[in-house]
């Protein structure tokens, strides 16, 4: 019996997942800083990796939260890392991924070193809204909007 072996379809290291990005800008009001949308949702083809906090998934330091919510207790911190060929967002970006909302955690970093496959954008984000029993649906993107990081980008930037 001869088995026919087929190579798996290779989409590229940065083409495994999809996130939606909305750009925002900070505005000062009588109630403090708020973030106002300055763009619609944009689709980004990328790779998303979970990142574990070294001190645990509650609070940034792993210690007791100094500013608890109304109910008290600890604040969940669920970080992810996004790797993408193109990134339309910035430090204030709002991100949807897998039924939850995330805030960009720091400025996106453009990685220029290494092989061409390793180059691109690295974005860290932390979850701000998620309900496992009632997932947040995918945002609606305007018809005809550009999809960032799609295969056409990869085809035009190959060596």
C-alpha atoms as a PDB file:
ATOM      1  CA  UNK A   1       0.000   0.000   0.000  1.00  0.00           C
ATOM      2  CA  UNK A   2       1.426   3.335  -1.087  1.00  0.00           C
ATOM      3  CA  UNK A   3       0.437   6.457   0.803  1.00  0.00           C
ATOM      4  CA  UNK A   4       0.336   9.707  -1.099  1.00  0.00           C
ATOM      5  CA  UNK A   5       1.933  12.471   0.940  1.00  0.00           C
ATOM      6  CA  UNK A   6       0.850  16.032   0.301  1.00  0.00           C
ATOM      7  CA  UNK A   7       2.609  19.028   1.736  1.00  0.00           C
ATOM      8  CA  UNK A   8       0.371  21.127   3.972  1.00  0.00           C
ATOM      9  CA  UNK A   9      -0.897  24.360   2.484  1.00  0.00           C
ATOM     10  CA  UNK A  10       1.500  27.058   3.663  1.00  0.00           C
ATOM     11  CA  UNK A  11      -0.121  30.425   4.261  1.00  0.00           C
ATOM     12  CA  UNK A  12       2.898  32.100   5.782  1.00  0.00           C
ATOM     13  CA  UNK A  13       3.832  32.693   9.359  1.00  0.00           C
ATOM     14  CA  UNK A  14       1.873  35.953   9.526  1.00  0.00           C
ATOM     15  CA  UNK A  15      -1.276  34.729   7.758  1.00  0.00           C
ATOM     16  CA  UNK A  16      -2.783  32.359  10.329  1.00  0.00           C
ATOM     17  CA  UNK A  17      -5.222  34.678  12.126  1.00  0.00           C
ATOM     18  CA  UNK A  18      -7.328  37.773  11.602  1.00  0.00           C
ATOM     19  CA  UNK A  19      -7.939  40.803  13.811  1.00  0.00           C
ATOM     20  CA  UNK A  20      -9.971  43.964  13.357  1.00  0.00           C
ATOM     21  CA  UNK A  21      -8.417  47.325  14.212  1.00  0.00           C
ATOM     22  CA  UNK A  22     -10.051  50.695  14.920  1.00  0.00           C
ATOM     23  CA  UNK A  23      -7.899  53.790  15.312  1.00  0.00           C
ATOM     24  CA  UNK A  24      -8.754  56.184  18.120  1.00  0.00           C
ATOM     25  CA  UNK A  25      -7.405  59.423  19.515  1.00  0.00           C
ATOM     26  CA  UNK A  26      -7.344  60.627  23.126  1.00  0.00           C
ATOM     27  CA  UNK A  27      -9.534  63.577  24.092  1.00  0.00           C
ATOM     28  CA  UNK A  28      -9.513  65.406  27.398  1.00  0.00           C
ATOM     29  CA  UNK A  29     -12.898  66.122  28.960  1.00  0.00           C
ATOM     30  CA  UNK A  30     -14.216  67.154  32.352  1.00  0.00           C
ATOM     31  CA  UNK A  31     -14.377  63.436  33.194  1.00  0.00           C
ATOM     32  CA  UNK A  32     -10.793  62.645  32.222  1.00  0.00           C
ATOM     33  CA  UNK A  33      -9.285  61.150  29.088  1.00  0.00           C
ATOM     34  CA  UNK A  34     -11.598  59.378  26.637  1.00  0.00           C
ATOM     35  CA  UNK A  35     -10.761  57.717  23.330  1.00  0.00           C
ATOM     36  CA  UNK A  36     -12.790  58.701  20.276  1.00  0.00           C
ATOM     37  CA  UNK A  37     -12.813  56.598  17.066  1.00  0.00           C
ATOM     38  CA  UNK A  38     -11.154  58.294  14.090  1.00  0.00           C
ATOM     39  CA  UNK A  39     -11.556  55.404  11.635  1.00  0.00           C
ATOM     40  CA  UNK A  40     -13.856  52.500  10.925  1.00  0.00           C
ATOM     41  CA  UNK A  41     -12.881  48.896  11.541  1.00  0.00           C
ATOM     42  CA  UNK A  42     -10.028  47.559   9.380  1.00  0.00           C
ATOM     43  CA  UNK A  43      -9.302  43.867   8.803  1.00  0.00           C
ATOM     44  CA  UNK A  44      -5.698  42.704   9.335  1.00  0.00           C
ATOM     45  CA  UNK A  45      -4.414  39.238   8.372  1.00  0.00           C
ATOM     46  CA  UNK A  46      -1.730  38.351  10.915  1.00  0.00           C
ATOM     47  CA  UNK A  47      -0.563  35.845  13.513  1.00  0.00           C
ATOM     48  CA  UNK A  48      -1.731  36.111  17.123  1.00  0.00           C
ATOM     49  CA  UNK A  49       0.151  34.487  19.970  1.00  0.00           C
ATOM     50  CA  UNK A  50      -0.934  34.286  23.596  1.00  0.00           C
ATOM     51  CA  UNK A  51       1.577  35.660  26.047  1.00  0.00           C
ATOM     52  CA  UNK A  52       1.547  34.571  29.668  1.00  0.00           C
ATOM     53  CA  UNK A  53       2.408  37.077  32.365  1.00  0.00           C
ATOM     54  CA  UNK A  54       5.366  35.825  34.352  1.00  0.00           C
ATOM     55  CA  UNK A  55       3.681  36.785  37.620  1.00  0.00           C
ATOM     56  CA  UNK A  56       0.266  35.386  36.727  1.00  0.00           C
ATOM     57  CA  UNK A  57      -2.788  36.499  34.784  1.00  0.00           C
ATOM     58  CA  UNK A  58      -4.170  38.875  37.404  1.00  0.00           C
ATOM     59  CA  UNK A  59      -2.828  42.380  37.813  1.00  0.00           C
ATOM     60  CA  UNK A  60       0.237  43.546  35.961  1.00  0.00           C
ATOM     61  CA  UNK A  61       2.673  42.897  38.797  1.00  0.00           C
ATOM     62  CA  UNK A  62       0.972  39.734  40.050  1.00  0.00           C
ATOM     63  CA  UNK A  63       0.414  41.431  43.398  1.00  0.00           C
ATOM     64  CA  UNK A  64      -2.933  42.600  44.741  1.00  0.00           C
ATOM     65  CA  UNK A  65      -4.630  45.183  42.535  1.00  0.00           C
ATOM     66  CA  UNK A  66      -4.323  48.652  44.103  1.00  0.00           C
ATOM     67  CA  UNK A  67      -7.337  50.070  42.224  1.00  0.00           C
ATOM     68  CA  UNK A  68     -10.051  47.380  42.286  1.00  0.00           C
ATOM     69  CA  UNK A  69     -13.274  47.689  40.299  1.00  0.00           C
ATOM     70  CA  UNK A  70     -16.680  48.278  41.933  1.00  0.00           C
ATOM     71  CA  UNK A  71     -16.839  44.632  43.037  1.00  0.00           C
ATOM     72  CA  UNK A  72     -13.278  44.677  44.333  1.00  0.00           C
ATOM     73  CA  UNK A  73     -10.739  41.981  43.643  1.00  0.00           C
ATOM     74  CA  UNK A  74      -8.093  41.579  40.987  1.00  0.00           C
ATOM     75  CA  UNK A  75      -8.026  42.808  37.399  1.00  0.00           C
ATOM     76  CA  UNK A  76      -7.444  40.196  34.687  1.00  0.00           C
ATOM     77  CA  UNK A  77      -4.569  40.872  32.313  1.00  0.00           C
ATOM     78  CA  UNK A  78      -4.594  38.661  29.218  1.00  0.00           C
ATOM     79  CA  UNK A  79      -1.858  39.770  26.848  1.00  0.00           C
ATOM     80  CA  UNK A  80      -1.511  38.797  23.207  1.00  0.00           C
ATOM     81  CA  UNK A  81       1.192  39.508  20.663  1.00  0.00           C
ATOM     82  CA  UNK A  82       0.257  40.253  17.060  1.00  0.00           C
ATOM     83  CA  UNK A  83       2.752  39.739  14.213  1.00  0.00           C
ATOM     84  CA  UNK A  84       1.762  41.310  10.887  1.00  0.00           C
ATOM     85  CA  UNK A  85       3.304  42.368   7.586  1.00  0.00           C
ATOM     86  CA  UNK A  86       1.251  45.578   7.649  1.00  0.00           C
ATOM     87  CA  UNK A  87      -0.258  47.399  10.625  1.00  0.00           C
ATOM     88  CA  UNK A  88      -2.693  50.301  10.198  1.00  0.00           C
ATOM     89  CA  UNK A  89      -2.928  51.120  13.918  1.00  0.00           C
ATOM     90  CA  UNK A  90      -0.955  52.949  16.566  1.00  0.00           C
ATOM     91  CA  UNK A  91      -0.614  53.131  20.355  1.00  0.00           C
ATOM     92  CA  UNK A  92      -4.323  54.012  20.797  1.00  0.00           C
ATOM     93  CA  UNK A  93      -5.721  51.205  18.604  1.00  0.00           C
ATOM     94  CA  UNK A  94      -8.774  49.199  19.661  1.00  0.00           C
ATOM     95  CA  UNK A  95      -8.534  45.568  18.530  1.00  0.00           C
ATOM     96  CA  UNK A  96     -11.122  42.797  18.131  1.00  0.00           C
ATOM     97  CA  UNK A  97      -9.867  39.206  18.226  1.00  0.00           C
ATOM     98  CA  UNK A  98     -11.704  35.906  18.830  1.00  0.00           C
ATOM     99  CA  UNK A  99     -14.766  37.382  20.496  1.00  0.00           C
ATOM    100  CA  UNK A 100     -13.038  39.943  22.725  1.00  0.00           C
ATOM    101  CA  UNK A 101     -11.802  43.530  22.641  1.00  0.00           C
ATOM    102  CA  UNK A 102      -8.186  44.487  23.282  1.00  0.00           C
ATOM    103  CA  UNK A 103      -6.279  47.762  23.728  1.00  0.00           C
ATOM    104  CA  UNK A 104      -2.848  48.173  22.174  1.00  0.00           C
ATOM    105  CA  UNK A 105      -0.324  47.932  24.990  1.00  0.00           C
ATOM    106  CA  UNK A 106       2.432  50.284  23.906  1.00  0.00           C
ATOM    107  CA  UNK A 107       3.455  51.437  20.471  1.00  0.00           C
ATOM    108  CA  UNK A 108       3.662  48.992  17.544  1.00  0.00           C
ATOM    109  CA  UNK A 109       7.257  47.973  16.838  1.00  0.00           C
ATOM    110  CA  UNK A 110       8.549  47.626  13.280  1.00  0.00           C
ATOM    111  CA  UNK A 111      10.991  44.707  13.181  1.00  0.00           C
ATOM    112  CA  UNK A 112      13.493  45.328  10.381  1.00  0.00           C
ATOM    113  CA  UNK A 113      16.176  42.781  11.278  1.00  0.00           C
ATOM    114  CA  UNK A 114      16.398  39.089  10.517  1.00  0.00           C
ATOM    115  CA  UNK A 115      15.086  37.258   7.492  1.00  0.00           C
ATOM    116  CA  UNK A 116      12.402  38.744   5.273  1.00  0.00           C
ATOM    117  CA  UNK A 117       9.837  36.378   6.765  1.00  0.00           C
ATOM    118  CA  UNK A 118      10.674  37.634  10.271  1.00  0.00           C
ATOM    119  CA  UNK A 119      10.372  41.313   9.377  1.00  0.00           C
ATOM    120  CA  UNK A 120       7.136  43.149   9.987  1.00  0.00           C
ATOM    121  CA  UNK A 121       5.117  44.659  12.827  1.00  0.00           C
ATOM    122  CA  UNK A 122       4.850  43.421  16.397  1.00  0.00           C
ATOM    123  CA  UNK A 123       1.950  44.695  18.501  1.00  0.00           C
ATOM    124  CA  UNK A 124       1.240  43.794  22.106  1.00  0.00           C
ATOM    125  CA  UNK A 125      -2.324  44.105  23.386  1.00  0.00           C
ATOM    126  CA  UNK A 126      -4.294  43.401  26.565  1.00  0.00           C
ATOM    127  CA  UNK A 127      -7.879  42.219  26.802  1.00  0.00           C
ATOM    128  CA  UNK A 128     -10.409  44.777  28.031  1.00  0.00           C
ATOM    129  CA  UNK A 129     -13.778  43.107  27.250  1.00  0.00           C
ATOM    130  CA  UNK A 130     -14.651  39.417  26.973  1.00  0.00           C
ATOM    131  CA  UNK A 131     -17.520  37.149  27.988  1.00  0.00           C
ATOM    132  CA  UNK A 132     -16.951  33.453  27.178  1.00  0.00           C
ATOM    133  CA  UNK A 133     -20.706  32.763  27.342  1.00  0.00           C
ATOM    134  CA  UNK A 134     -21.628  35.616  25.000  1.00  0.00           C
ATOM    135  CA  UNK A 135     -18.762  36.297  22.571  1.00  0.00           C
ATOM    136  CA  UNK A 136     -18.595  39.731  20.976  1.00  0.00           C
ATOM    137  CA  UNK A 137     -19.424  39.356  17.247  1.00  0.00           C
ATOM    138  CA  UNK A 138     -16.997  40.344  14.483  1.00  0.00           C
ATOM    139  CA  UNK A 139     -17.101  44.055  13.657  1.00  0.00           C
ATOM    140  CA  UNK A 140     -18.513  45.165  10.323  1.00  0.00           C
ATOM    141  CA  UNK A 141     -15.961  46.470   7.820  1.00  0.00           C
ATOM    142  CA  UNK A 142     -16.959  48.942   5.114  1.00  0.00           C
ATOM    143  CA  UNK A 143     -17.497  47.311   1.724  1.00  0.00           C
ATOM    144  CA  UNK A 144     -14.441  47.604  -0.515  1.00  0.00           C
ATOM    145  CA  UNK A 145     -12.110  48.433   2.405  1.00  0.00           C
ATOM    146  CA  UNK A 146      -8.491  47.322   2.108  1.00  0.00           C
ATOM    147  CA  UNK A 147      -7.522  44.135   3.911  1.00  0.00           C
ATOM    148  CA  UNK A 148      -4.104  44.632   5.485  1.00  0.00           C
ATOM    149  CA  UNK A 149      -1.570  41.813   5.253  1.00  0.00           C
ATOM    150  CA  UNK A 150      -3.445  39.820   2.617  1.00  0.00           C
ATOM    151  CA  UNK A 151      -1.694  37.587   0.103  1.00  0.00           C
ATOM    152  CA  UNK A 152      -1.364  40.388  -2.447  1.00  0.00           C
ATOM    153  CA  UNK A 153       0.983  42.171  -0.023  1.00  0.00           C
ATOM    154  CA  UNK A 154       3.094  39.036   0.352  1.00  0.00           C
ATOM    155  CA  UNK A 155       3.264  38.513  -3.425  1.00  0.00           C
ATOM    156  CA  UNK A 156       4.486  42.068  -4.100  1.00  0.00           C
ATOM    157  CA  UNK A 157       7.167  42.015  -1.400  1.00  0.00           C
ATOM    158  CA  UNK A 158       8.879  38.694  -2.090  1.00  0.00           C
ATOM    159  CA  UNK A 159      12.557  38.524  -2.915  1.00  0.00           C
END
